[in-house]
Amino acid sequence: MTDPYDGRPQSWAKHEILKRYLGPFSQKVVRGLKNLQTPIDELVFVDGFAGPWDTATDDCSDSSFMIAIAELRRAHDALNASGLGIRTRVHLNEANRKAYRRLVDLVAESSDHASGFRVETTNLPFDELAAQIGPANASEFRLVFIDPKGWSGYPLACLRKLGRENTELLINFMRYHVHRFVKSSAEGETEGEDRQFSALLGEDWRDRIGTSPSGIAARDLLRERLRKDIGFRFAPVMEIGMAQREQVHFDLILATRSTVAVDLARAIEKKVMEDYEKRRIPSSQMDLFEGDPDYARDWFIRRRRDAQASFYKKLQETVDGRRRSNEFKSVCADIQEDMPLTKSAITLLLVHLADNGAVEATWKERGAKRPGDFDPVILVQNPCTPDGQSSLF
């Protein structure tokens, strides 16, 4: 069977992250939210730019919306079998009329109203979709997937309408294209792009990203807007490299208020990216790669090692003067927002630091060998500089 992702490994990585996130997301988040005063009884997935576009299969099984339907149906059945009685709704939107007609045909038989699984479609520009569906209500939890065909099309005002309580956003931020456009726009070359950036990043975006505009600066400003303007607590980034080039193609930004979701994203990122590096630089094409292919294949591993090397400094920045809880669960998620580290890796790093006298081993007070979610993270004042951390990876 021909690989539908042959020649487009970035799409495989994006879809694999989405696929791996949806099932555990449904299980972990919904189970946790069931304990709230107003329990969640409906899980909603919204694809704001469903397509289909650029699929290699006749049934579009390699599209984000078909992957979402399949994974959410499995999670829906599992949740109902466990007695949680959740309803699931998949809302697919596509503004292009021709693509929309095909979308409707493809998902026509996907609903199962008897079990509470429903697939619905709309043919609206994204701003009209945001105005129509508005924020999630108190009894639903919503994941909104934002993956436009180009790099723009989701103004901050729309994200604000959608991104209130009981909602997460998963945004495909096309960093490579944004980098080119943001530089030309900052130089006053294209008025159209300037309007689009102002809608996405705010009217003051030029001042905020400084004198050296870049895709990273624009991305991080969007993350700041998601946190400060909309109220998300976290906005971790999963970087997807280009095929046959050592450069980031796009970033997947997860806007969430959940520590569970942050840890889940980092665990999935590790699994997917370790395989992706081999896919984007296959052995048969290593001589075509721009640069050192062996070096590039270790790109994600090197990012994790760099994060490990700077972990103690990041821990100090996170804990010193902290107003939030200093419980491990909270501190861990704050670190994970900016570092591609799993919870288990951070746990080992803390144990290592405690063994070196840089962190108090508070977990030993309850007879544990490593920190648990509710153990406080306390730095030792003026410790010796920790060393030897590279042995943990």
Protein backbone atom coordinates (compact mmCIF):
# COMPACT_ATOMS: atom_id res chain seq x y z
CA MET A 1 0.00 0.00 0.00
CA THR A 2 1.30 3.44 -0.94
CA ASP A 3 2.07 5.72 1.99
CA PRO A 4 -0.41 8.65 1.72
CA TYR A 5 2.15 10.88 3.41
CA ASP A 6 4.96 10.13 0.97
CA GLY A 7 6.57 13.46 0.15
CA ARG A 8 4.69 15.37 2.87
CA PRO A 9 6.05 14.22 6.21
CA GLN A 10 5.00 17.47 7.89
CA SER A 11 1.36 16.53 7.34
CA TRP A 12 2.04 13.13 8.90
CA ALA A 13 3.52 14.79 12.00
CA LYS A 14 0.61 17.21 12.33
CA HIS A 15 -2.01 14.50 11.91
CA GLU A 16 -0.17 12.07 14.17
CA ILE A 17 -0.06 14.66 16.97
CA LEU A 18 -3.76 15.40 16.49
CA LYS A 19 -4.59 11.68 16.38
CA ARG A 20 -2.61 10.85 19.51
CA TYR A 21 -4.00 13.86 21.38
CA LEU A 22 -7.72 13.38 20.81
CA GLY A 23 -8.21 10.01 22.48
CA PRO A 24 -6.27 10.64 25.70
CA PHE A 25 -7.57 14.23 25.73
CA SER A 26 -11.12 12.92 25.75
CA GLN A 27 -10.37 10.38 28.46
CA LYS A 28 -8.22 12.44 30.82
CA VAL A 29 -9.80 15.86 30.49
CA VAL A 30 -13.42 14.73 30.45
CA ARG A 31 -12.91 12.36 33.39
CA GLY A 32 -11.38 15.21 35.38
CA LEU A 33 -14.08 17.70 34.42
CA LYS A 34 -16.80 15.26 35.47
CA ASN A 35 -15.87 16.14 39.06
CA LEU A 36 -16.78 19.81 38.62
CA GLN A 37 -19.88 21.37 40.18
CA THR A 38 -21.32 21.71 36.67
CA PRO A 39 -20.25 18.40 35.08
CA ILE A 40 -19.29 18.18 31.42
CA ASP A 41 -21.68 16.03 29.39
CA GLU A 42 -20.61 16.95 25.83
CA LEU A 43 -17.23 16.96 24.13
CA VAL A 44 -17.05 19.19 21.06
CA PHE A 45 -14.37 19.22 18.37
CA VAL A 46 -14.39 22.15 15.93
CA ASP A 47 -12.29 22.16 12.76
CA GLY A 48 -12.44 25.74 11.53
CA PHE A 49 -10.77 25.04 8.16
CA ALA A 50 -11.73 21.44 7.45
CA GLY A 51 -11.16 21.28 3.70
CA PRO A 52 -10.55 18.70 2.29
CA TRP A 53 -7.28 19.92 0.80
CA ASP A 54 -4.28 18.06 -0.62
CA THR A 55 -5.31 14.56 0.44
CA ALA A 56 -3.80 11.47 -1.17
CA THR A 57 -6.64 9.03 -0.44
CA ASP A 58 -10.07 8.84 -2.08
CA ASP A 59 -11.87 8.66 1.26
CA CYS A 60 -9.74 11.47 2.74
CA SER A 61 -8.62 9.23 5.60
CA ASP A 62 -5.41 11.30 5.58
CA SER A 63 -7.31 14.52 6.40
CA SER A 64 -7.56 16.12 9.82
CA PHE A 65 -11.36 15.90 9.95
CA MET A 66 -11.54 12.18 9.11
CA ILE A 67 -8.81 11.43 11.62
CA ALA A 68 -10.73 13.45 14.23
CA ILE A 69 -13.99 11.61 13.51
CA ALA A 70 -12.33 8.21 13.84
CA GLU A 71 -10.42 9.01 17.05
CA LEU A 72 -13.30 10.81 18.73
CA ARG A 73 -15.70 7.99 17.90
CA ARG A 74 -13.36 5.51 19.60
CA ALA A 75 -13.03 7.78 22.63
CA HIS A 76 -16.78 8.41 22.69
CA ASP A 77 -17.56 4.70 22.75
CA ALA A 78 -14.97 4.07 25.48
CA LEU A 79 -16.30 6.87 27.69
CA ASN A 80 -19.87 5.68 27.34
CA ALA A 81 -18.86 2.09 28.02
CA SER A 82 -17.25 3.27 31.26
CA GLY A 83 -20.52 4.83 32.38
CA LEU A 84 -19.67 8.50 31.90
CA GLY A 85 -22.49 9.00 29.38
CA ILE A 86 -20.73 11.68 27.34
CA ARG A 87 -22.12 13.13 24.12
CA THR A 88 -19.69 14.00 21.32
CA ARG A 89 -20.16 16.56 18.59
CA VAL A 90 -17.80 17.12 15.65
CA HIS A 91 -18.32 20.49 13.96
CA LEU A 92 -16.59 20.79 10.60
CA ASN A 93 -16.44 24.14 8.86
CA GLU A 94 -15.16 24.98 5.38
CA ALA A 95 -15.60 28.34 3.65
CA ASN A 96 -14.79 27.17 0.11
CA ARG A 97 -18.03 25.98 -1.52
CA LYS A 98 -16.50 23.33 -3.76
CA ALA A 99 -14.48 21.79 -0.92
CA TYR A 100 -17.51 22.06 1.35
CA ARG A 101 -19.72 20.02 -0.99
CA ARG A 102 -17.14 17.23 -0.96
CA LEU A 103 -16.85 17.50 2.83
CA VAL A 104 -20.60 17.03 3.24
CA ASP A 105 -20.57 13.92 1.04
CA LEU A 106 -17.61 12.40 2.89
CA VAL A 107 -19.12 12.71 6.38
CA ALA A 108 -22.76 12.04 5.47
CA GLU A 109 -22.81 8.66 7.26
CA SER A 110 -20.59 9.56 10.23
CA SER A 111 -23.20 10.47 12.84
CA ASP A 112 -24.71 7.99 15.27
CA HIS A 113 -27.51 9.88 16.99
CA ALA A 114 -28.59 6.87 19.04
CA SER A 115 -25.27 6.83 20.90
CA GLY A 116 -24.96 10.63 21.08
CA PHE A 117 -22.24 10.97 18.43
CA ARG A 118 -23.00 13.75 15.95
CA VAL A 119 -21.12 15.26 13.00
CA GLU A 120 -22.31 18.62 11.67
CA THR A 121 -20.99 20.93 8.96
CA THR A 122 -21.09 24.64 8.13
CA ASN A 123 -20.00 26.65 5.09
CA LEU A 124 -18.81 29.91 6.67
CA PRO A 125 -15.81 32.23 6.76
CA PHE A 126 -13.97 31.71 10.05
CA ASP A 127 -15.07 35.03 11.55
CA GLU A 128 -18.73 34.16 10.88
CA LEU A 129 -18.20 30.70 12.36
CA ALA A 130 -16.76 32.22 15.54
CA ALA A 131 -19.69 34.62 15.80
CA GLN A 132 -22.22 31.84 15.22
CA ILE A 133 -20.97 29.21 17.65
CA GLY A 134 -19.52 31.61 20.25
CA PRO A 135 -17.93 30.36 23.47
CA ALA A 136 -18.46 26.91 24.96
CA ASN A 137 -21.32 26.59 27.42
CA ALA A 138 -20.90 25.37 31.01
CA SER A 139 -21.75 21.73 30.25
CA GLU A 140 -19.46 21.20 27.25
CA PHE A 141 -15.72 21.08 26.66
CA ARG A 142 -14.41 22.18 23.31
CA LEU A 143 -11.23 21.67 21.30
CA VAL A 144 -10.93 24.03 18.33
CA PHE A 145 -8.48 23.03 15.60
CA ILE A 146 -7.26 26.00 13.53
CA ASP A 147 -5.34 24.95 10.43
CA PRO A 148 -5.99 27.36 7.54
CA LYS A 149 -4.76 26.66 4.03
CA GLY A 150 -2.52 29.73 4.22
CA TRP A 151 -0.81 31.39 7.18
CA SER A 152 -3.59 33.83 8.12
CA GLY A 153 -7.37 33.85 8.49
CA TYR A 154 -7.93 33.57 12.23
CA PRO A 155 -8.03 37.09 13.73
CA LEU A 156 -7.43 37.46 17.44
CA ALA A 157 -10.99 38.72 17.87
CA CYS A 158 -12.27 35.33 16.63
CA LEU A 159 -9.98 33.44 18.98
CA ARG A 160 -11.26 35.60 21.82
CA LYS A 161 -14.87 34.69 21.00
CA LEU A 162 -14.07 31.00 20.94
CA GLY A 163 -11.43 30.73 23.62
CA ARG A 164 -13.21 31.29 26.90
CA GLU A 165 -13.67 28.71 29.66
CA ASN A 166 -13.94 24.99 28.84
CA THR A 167 -12.00 25.41 25.60
CA GLU A 168 -8.63 24.57 24.12
CA LEU A 169 -7.22 25.80 20.82
CA LEU A 170 -4.76 23.86 18.65
CA ILE A 171 -3.32 26.32 16.13
CA ASN A 172 -1.11 25.57 13.14
CA PHE A 173 1.17 28.61 13.01
CA MET A 174 3.00 28.59 9.66
CA ARG A 175 6.25 29.99 10.99
CA TYR A 176 8.29 29.71 7.79
CA HIS A 177 5.76 31.72 5.78
CA VAL A 178 5.03 34.11 8.64
CA HIS A 179 8.74 34.85 8.93
CA ARG A 180 8.91 36.01 5.31
CA PHE A 181 5.71 38.02 5.51
CA VAL A 182 6.42 39.63 8.87
CA LYS A 183 9.78 40.94 7.69
CA SER A 184 8.36 42.42 4.49
CA SER A 185 5.40 43.86 6.38
CA ALA A 186 7.61 45.38 9.06
CA GLU A 187 9.56 47.06 6.29
CA GLY A 188 6.35 48.55 4.91
CA GLU A 189 6.43 46.61 1.65
CA THR A 190 2.98 45.04 1.78
CA GLU A 191 -0.02 46.84 3.19
CA GLY A 192 -2.25 43.76 2.96
CA GLU A 193 -0.03 41.65 5.18
CA ASP A 194 0.19 44.53 7.66
CA ARG A 195 -3.60 44.47 8.10
CA GLN A 196 -3.57 40.69 8.55
CA PHE A 197 -0.82 40.83 11.16
CA SER A 198 -2.60 43.62 12.99
CA ALA A 199 -5.76 41.48 13.12
CA LEU A 200 -3.84 38.46 14.39
CA LEU A 201 -1.24 40.03 16.69
CA GLY A 202 -2.73 43.41 17.59
CA GLU A 203 -2.25 46.91 16.22
CA ASP A 204 0.99 47.33 18.17
CA TRP A 205 2.63 44.17 16.83
CA ARG A 206 5.54 46.02 15.22
CA ASP A 207 6.50 47.65 18.50
CA ARG A 208 6.02 44.41 20.42
CA ILE A 209 8.28 42.18 18.31
CA GLY A 210 11.13 44.71 18.31
CA THR A 211 13.66 45.80 15.75
CA SER A 212 14.43 42.30 14.44
CA PRO A 213 11.07 40.87 13.31
CA SER A 214 10.98 37.11 12.83
CA GLY A 215 8.60 34.20 12.72
CA ILE A 216 9.60 33.23 16.26
CA ALA A 217 8.93 36.74 17.57
CA ALA A 218 5.51 36.79 15.89
CA ARG A 219 4.69 33.34 17.25
CA ASP A 220 5.67 34.26 20.78
CA LEU A 221 3.62 37.45 20.60
CA LEU A 222 0.61 35.34 19.59
CA ARG A 223 1.28 33.06 22.56
CA GLU A 224 1.37 36.10 24.84
CA ARG A 225 -1.93 37.34 23.41
CA LEU A 226 -3.48 33.93 23.98
CA ARG A 227 -2.45 34.04 27.62
CA LYS A 228 -2.95 37.68 28.55
CA ASP A 229 -5.76 38.79 26.21
CA ILE A 230 -7.86 35.61 26.17
CA GLY A 231 -6.98 34.01 29.49
CA PHE A 232 -5.29 30.74 28.62
CA ARG A 233 -2.73 29.71 31.20
CA PHE A 234 -0.41 27.81 28.86
CA ALA A 235 0.57 28.00 25.19
CA PRO A 236 3.23 25.32 24.58
CA VAL A 237 4.69 24.96 21.09
CA MET A 238 5.48 21.79 19.13
CA GLU A 239 7.94 22.59 16.33
CA ILE A 240 7.70 20.68 13.03
CA GLY A 241 10.80 20.82 10.83
CA MET A 242 10.84 21.10 7.05
CA ALA A 243 11.46 18.09 4.84
CA GLN A 244 15.08 17.88 3.68
CA ARG A 245 16.02 21.17 5.32
CA GLU A 246 17.10 22.05 8.85
CA GLN A 247 14.46 24.73 9.36
CA VAL A 248 11.11 24.86 11.15
CA HIS A 249 8.13 24.67 8.81
CA PHE A 250 5.32 25.30 11.26
CA ASP A 251 4.52 25.36 14.97
CA LEU A 252 1.54 23.68 16.60
CA ILE A 253 0.44 25.92 19.49
CA LEU A 254 -1.79 24.40 22.15
CA ALA A 255 -3.70 27.07 24.10
CA THR A 256 -4.99 25.47 27.29
CA ARG A 257 -5.74 26.00 30.96
CA SER A 258 -4.94 22.41 31.91
CA THR A 259 -1.69 21.04 33.34
CA VAL A 260 -2.84 17.60 32.19
CA ALA A 261 -3.10 18.82 28.59
CA VAL A 262 0.40 20.35 28.66
CA ASP A 263 1.97 17.12 29.88
CA LEU A 264 -0.02 15.08 27.37
CA ALA A 265 1.17 17.32 24.53
CA ARG A 266 4.82 16.95 25.53
CA ALA A 267 4.55 13.17 25.84
CA ILE A 268 2.96 12.94 22.39
CA GLU A 269 5.50 15.34 20.90
CA LYS A 270 8.36 13.10 22.07
CA LYS A 271 6.82 9.97 20.54
CA VAL A 272 5.93 11.62 17.23
CA MET A 273 9.06 13.69 16.69
CA GLU A 274 11.47 10.83 17.26
CA ASP A 275 9.83 9.02 14.33
CA TYR A 276 9.33 12.17 12.27
CA GLU A 277 13.05 12.91 12.03
CA LYS A 278 13.49 9.63 10.13
CA ARG A 279 10.48 10.34 7.91
CA ARG A 280 11.54 13.83 6.88
CA ILE A 281 15.07 12.68 6.03
CA PRO A 282 14.71 9.11 4.71
CA SER A 283 17.91 7.11 4.33
CA SER A 284 17.47 6.93 0.54
CA GLN A 285 17.45 10.74 0.28
CA MET A 286 20.09 11.80 2.79
CA ASP A 287 22.38 12.98 -0.01
CA LEU A 288 19.69 15.49 -1.09
CA PHE A 289 19.45 17.15 2.32
CA GLU A 290 20.60 20.78 2.60
CA GLY A 291 23.19 20.50 5.36
CA ASP A 292 24.32 17.62 7.56
CA PRO A 293 21.51 15.00 7.54
CA ASP A 294 22.89 13.03 10.50
CA TYR A 295 23.05 16.23 12.54
CA ALA A 296 19.53 17.21 11.44
CA ARG A 297 18.10 13.79 12.29
CA ASP A 298 19.10 14.44 15.89
CA TRP A 299 17.37 17.83 15.88
CA PHE A 300 14.65 16.99 18.39
CA ILE A 301 17.05 15.07 20.60
CA ARG A 302 19.37 18.08 20.61
CA ARG A 303 16.48 20.34 21.57
CA ARG A 304 15.73 18.10 24.53
CA ARG A 305 19.39 18.01 25.53
CA ASP A 306 19.59 21.79 25.31
CA ALA A 307 16.49 22.02 27.50
CA GLN A 308 18.06 19.66 29.99
CA ALA A 309 21.29 21.65 30.08
CA SER A 310 19.40 24.85 30.89
CA PHE A 311 16.82 23.18 33.16
CA TYR A 312 18.25 24.40 36.47
CA LYS A 313 18.22 28.01 35.29
CA LYS A 314 14.64 27.62 34.04
CA LEU A 315 13.67 26.04 37.36
CA GLN A 316 15.11 29.02 39.23
CA GLU A 317 13.21 31.46 37.03
CA THR A 318 10.00 29.48 37.52
CA VAL A 319 10.21 29.09 41.30
CA ASP A 320 11.83 32.36 42.45
CA GLY A 321 9.23 34.98 43.34
CA ARG A 322 6.46 32.60 42.34
CA ARG A 323 2.88 33.67 43.05
CA ARG A 324 1.30 30.45 41.84
CA SER A 325 1.39 27.18 43.74
CA ASN A 326 4.85 25.66 44.08
CA GLU A 327 3.43 22.15 43.90
CA PHE A 328 5.27 19.94 41.44
CA LYS A 329 2.28 19.59 39.09
CA SER A 330 2.04 23.35 38.63
CA VAL A 331 5.79 24.03 38.42
CA CYS A 332 6.25 21.16 35.97
CA ALA A 333 3.58 22.49 33.58
CA ASP A 334 5.07 26.00 33.66
CA ILE A 335 8.45 24.56 32.66
CA GLN A 336 6.90 22.32 30.00
CA GLU A 337 5.23 25.31 28.39
CA ASP A 338 8.65 26.49 27.16
CA MET A 339 10.68 23.27 27.11
CA PRO A 340 10.13 20.02 25.14
CA LEU A 341 10.42 17.87 28.25
CA THR A 342 8.05 15.19 29.50
CA LYS A 343 6.88 15.05 33.09
CA SER A 344 8.94 11.91 33.70
CA ALA A 345 12.08 13.67 32.42
CA ILE A 346 11.49 16.64 34.74
CA THR A 347 10.90 14.23 37.62
CA LEU A 348 14.30 12.62 37.02
CA LEU A 349 15.96 16.01 36.72
CA LEU A 350 14.54 17.10 40.07
CA VAL A 351 15.72 13.88 41.73
CA HIS A 352 19.17 14.49 40.25
CA LEU A 353 19.20 18.07 41.55
CA ALA A 354 18.10 16.88 44.98
CA ASP A 355 20.93 14.32 45.01
CA ASN A 356 23.32 17.19 44.24
CA GLY A 357 21.92 19.39 47.02
CA ALA A 358 20.27 21.98 44.76
CA VAL A 359 16.63 21.06 45.52
CA GLU A 360 15.00 19.87 48.72
CA ALA A 361 13.80 16.27 48.41
CA THR A 362 10.37 17.06 49.84
CA TRP A 363 8.91 13.84 48.47
CA LYS A 364 11.03 11.79 50.86
CA GLU A 365 8.92 13.11 53.75
CA ARG A 366 6.16 10.76 52.57
CA GLY A 367 8.59 7.94 51.83
CA ALA A 368 8.61 8.44 48.05
CA LYS A 369 11.60 8.14 45.71
CA ARG A 370 10.52 10.91 43.36
CA PRO A 371 8.21 13.94 43.41
CA GLY A 372 4.45 13.57 43.11
CA ASP A 373 1.93 16.11 41.87
CA PHE A 374 1.41 17.78 45.26
CA ASP A 375 4.97 17.79 46.61
CA PRO A 376 6.35 21.34 46.93
CA VAL A 377 9.36 22.30 44.80
CA ILE A 378 11.83 24.14 47.03
CA LEU A 379 15.25 25.32 45.89
CA VAL A 380 18.22 25.14 48.24
CA GLN A 381 19.72 28.58 48.74
CA ASN A 382 23.25 29.04 47.33
CA PRO A 383 23.88 25.43 46.29
CA CYS A 384 26.88 24.17 44.38
CA THR A 385 26.28 24.44 40.62
CA PRO A 386 24.66 21.15 39.51
CA ASP A 387 26.57 19.16 36.94
CA GLY A 388 26.37 15.86 35.08
CA GLN A 389 22.76 16.31 33.97
CA SER A 390 23.45 15.05 30.44
CA SER A 391 23.60 11.49 31.78
CA LEU A 392 19.84 11.51 32.27
CA PHE A 393 19.04 11.34 28.56
